[in-house]
Protein backbone atom coordinates (compact mmCIF):
# COMPACT_ATOMS: atom_id res chain seq x y z
CA MET A 1 14.03 19.39 -6.51
CA ASP A 2 15.08 16.22 -4.70
CA ARG A 3 12.56 14.32 -2.66
CA PRO A 4 13.42 12.57 0.62
CA ALA A 5 14.14 8.87 0.09
CA ALA A 6 11.30 7.79 2.40
CA GLN A 7 8.65 9.73 0.45
CA PRO A 8 6.98 7.92 -2.46
CA LEU A 9 6.68 9.77 -5.73
CA ARG A 10 3.26 11.34 -6.16
CA THR A 11 1.35 12.77 -9.06
CA GLN A 12 -0.36 16.16 -8.91
CA ALA A 13 -3.61 14.48 -7.85
CA GLY A 14 -1.79 12.83 -4.91
CA ALA A 15 -2.00 9.30 -6.29
CA ARG A 16 1.04 7.07 -6.01
CA GLN A 17 3.29 6.99 -9.02
CA LEU A 18 5.20 3.95 -10.26
CA ASP A 19 8.53 3.49 -8.42
CA TRP A 20 10.47 0.31 -9.21
CA ARG A 21 12.87 0.95 -6.33
CA ARG A 22 10.10 0.88 -3.75
CA ARG A 23 8.40 -2.11 -5.34
CA MET A 24 11.62 -4.13 -5.26
CA SER A 25 12.33 -3.10 -1.69
CA ASP A 26 8.83 -4.20 -0.63
CA SER A 27 9.18 -7.46 -2.56
CA VAL A 28 12.50 -8.23 -0.89
CA ALA A 29 10.97 -7.62 2.53
CA TYR A 30 8.03 -9.94 1.81
CA ALA A 31 10.29 -12.58 0.27
CA LEU A 32 12.49 -12.56 3.39
CA LEU A 33 9.43 -13.06 5.59
CA VAL A 34 8.22 -15.98 3.48
CA TYR A 35 11.72 -17.43 3.29
CA THR A 36 12.15 -17.24 7.07
CA GLY A 37 8.80 -18.90 7.71
CA LEU A 38 9.56 -21.68 5.25
CA GLN A 39 13.03 -22.19 6.66
CA ILE A 40 11.70 -22.51 10.20
CA PHE A 41 9.00 -24.95 9.01
CA VAL A 42 11.48 -27.05 7.02
CA THR A 43 14.02 -27.13 9.86
CA ILE A 44 11.43 -28.07 12.49
CA THR A 45 10.07 -30.78 10.17
CA ALA A 46 13.59 -32.18 9.73
CA LEU A 47 14.15 -32.16 13.49
CA ARG A 48 10.83 -33.92 14.14
CA GLY A 49 11.68 -36.42 11.43
CA GLY A 50 14.23 -38.01 13.72
CA THR A 51 17.34 -36.28 12.43
CA ALA A 52 19.59 -36.36 15.46
CA SER A 53 22.49 -34.52 13.85
CA LEU A 54 23.42 -30.89 13.84
CA LEU A 55 22.86 -30.65 10.08
CA PRO A 56 19.43 -28.94 10.31
CA TYR A 57 20.95 -26.23 12.51
CA PHE A 58 23.90 -25.87 10.15
CA ALA A 59 21.46 -25.64 7.23
CA LEU A 60 19.63 -22.84 9.01
CA ILE A 61 22.84 -20.87 9.49
CA VAL A 62 23.96 -21.42 5.90
CA LEU A 63 20.60 -20.38 4.52
CA ILE A 64 20.47 -17.20 6.54
CA ALA A 65 24.00 -16.35 5.44
CA ALA A 66 23.06 -17.05 1.80
CA ILE A 67 19.74 -15.26 1.50
CA VAL A 68 20.62 -11.84 2.88
CA PRO A 69 23.40 -11.05 0.36
CA ALA A 70 21.31 -12.46 -2.49
CA CYS A 71 18.33 -10.28 -1.59
CA ARG A 72 20.57 -7.27 -1.10
CA ARG A 73 21.90 -7.79 -4.62
CA PHE A 74 18.38 -7.66 -6.09
CA GLU A 75 17.56 -4.53 -4.12
CA ARG A 76 20.84 -2.73 -4.85
CA ARG A 77 20.33 -3.10 -8.57
CA TRP A 78 17.04 -1.24 -8.43
CA ASN A 79 18.11 1.36 -5.87
CA ARG A 80 20.72 2.64 -8.33
CA LEU A 81 17.99 3.97 -10.62
CA SER A 82 17.49 7.70 -10.96
CA ASP A 83 14.08 9.19 -10.10
CA GLU A 84 13.24 9.30 -13.80
CA ALA A 85 14.30 5.72 -14.51
CA ALA A 86 12.49 4.44 -11.40
CA CYS A 87 9.20 5.50 -12.98
CA ASP A 88 9.89 4.10 -16.45
CA PRO A 89 7.20 1.57 -17.40
CA ASP A 90 9.56 0.05 -19.99
CA LEU A 91 11.44 -1.60 -17.11
CA ALA A 92 8.44 -3.84 -16.32
CA PRO A 93 9.83 -6.98 -18.07
CA VAL A 94 13.19 -6.64 -16.31
CA PHE A 95 11.44 -6.08 -12.99
CA ARG A 96 9.21 -9.11 -13.56
CA ARG A 97 12.27 -11.27 -14.31
CA ASP A 98 13.97 -10.14 -11.09
CA ILE A 99 10.82 -10.70 -9.04
CA ILE A 100 10.49 -14.24 -10.40
CA GLY A 101 14.14 -14.93 -9.53
CA LEU A 102 13.70 -13.45 -6.06
CA TRP A 103 10.64 -15.60 -5.31
CA LEU A 104 12.19 -18.76 -6.75
CA LEU A 105 15.15 -18.17 -4.44
CA ALA A 106 12.98 -17.38 -1.40
CA ILE A 107 10.72 -20.39 -1.84
CA GLY A 108 13.07 -22.90 -3.42
CA LEU A 109 16.24 -22.41 -1.40
CA PRO A 110 14.88 -23.67 1.95
CA PHE A 111 13.60 -26.87 0.38
CA ALA A 112 16.65 -27.45 -1.82
CA LEU A 113 19.20 -27.01 0.94
CA ALA A 114 17.12 -28.84 3.54
CA GLY A 115 16.91 -31.75 1.12
CA LEU A 116 20.66 -31.61 0.54
CA PHE A 117 21.40 -31.57 4.27
CA THR A 118 18.92 -34.40 4.88
CA LEU A 119 20.65 -36.43 2.18
CA LEU A 120 24.03 -35.66 3.78
CA GLY A 121 22.63 -36.76 7.12
CA TYR A 122 21.68 -40.13 5.64
CA VAL A 123 25.05 -40.54 3.94
CA ILE A 124 27.07 -39.53 7.00
CA GLY A 125 24.84 -41.21 9.55
CA GLY A 126 24.14 -44.38 7.88
């Protein structure tokens, strides 16, 4: 019997069962929120820092265009799992590796690209 996609798997007692697909989907959503907040903070900081160029705005566009496909790739990998595989505790190390990669991307990318664009601003502008 197939369950609707929106319904979490449940045990007989009604407790939530392990579902890697849902966990990855939730992690991607949280990572995108953190990423967006960091990107706004980093861009505003660069603008207040006296950068008069359009590079911070360009960085914002590039980062938005880069993060969505990357996050979708993480999520797609886990959404392909069958119901049985989605509950397999043996996938924990693989899941942990993907989560670490996702969070490194979400936290590191805004700073790395903002630094690159700031450096380009100094090279081009001065």
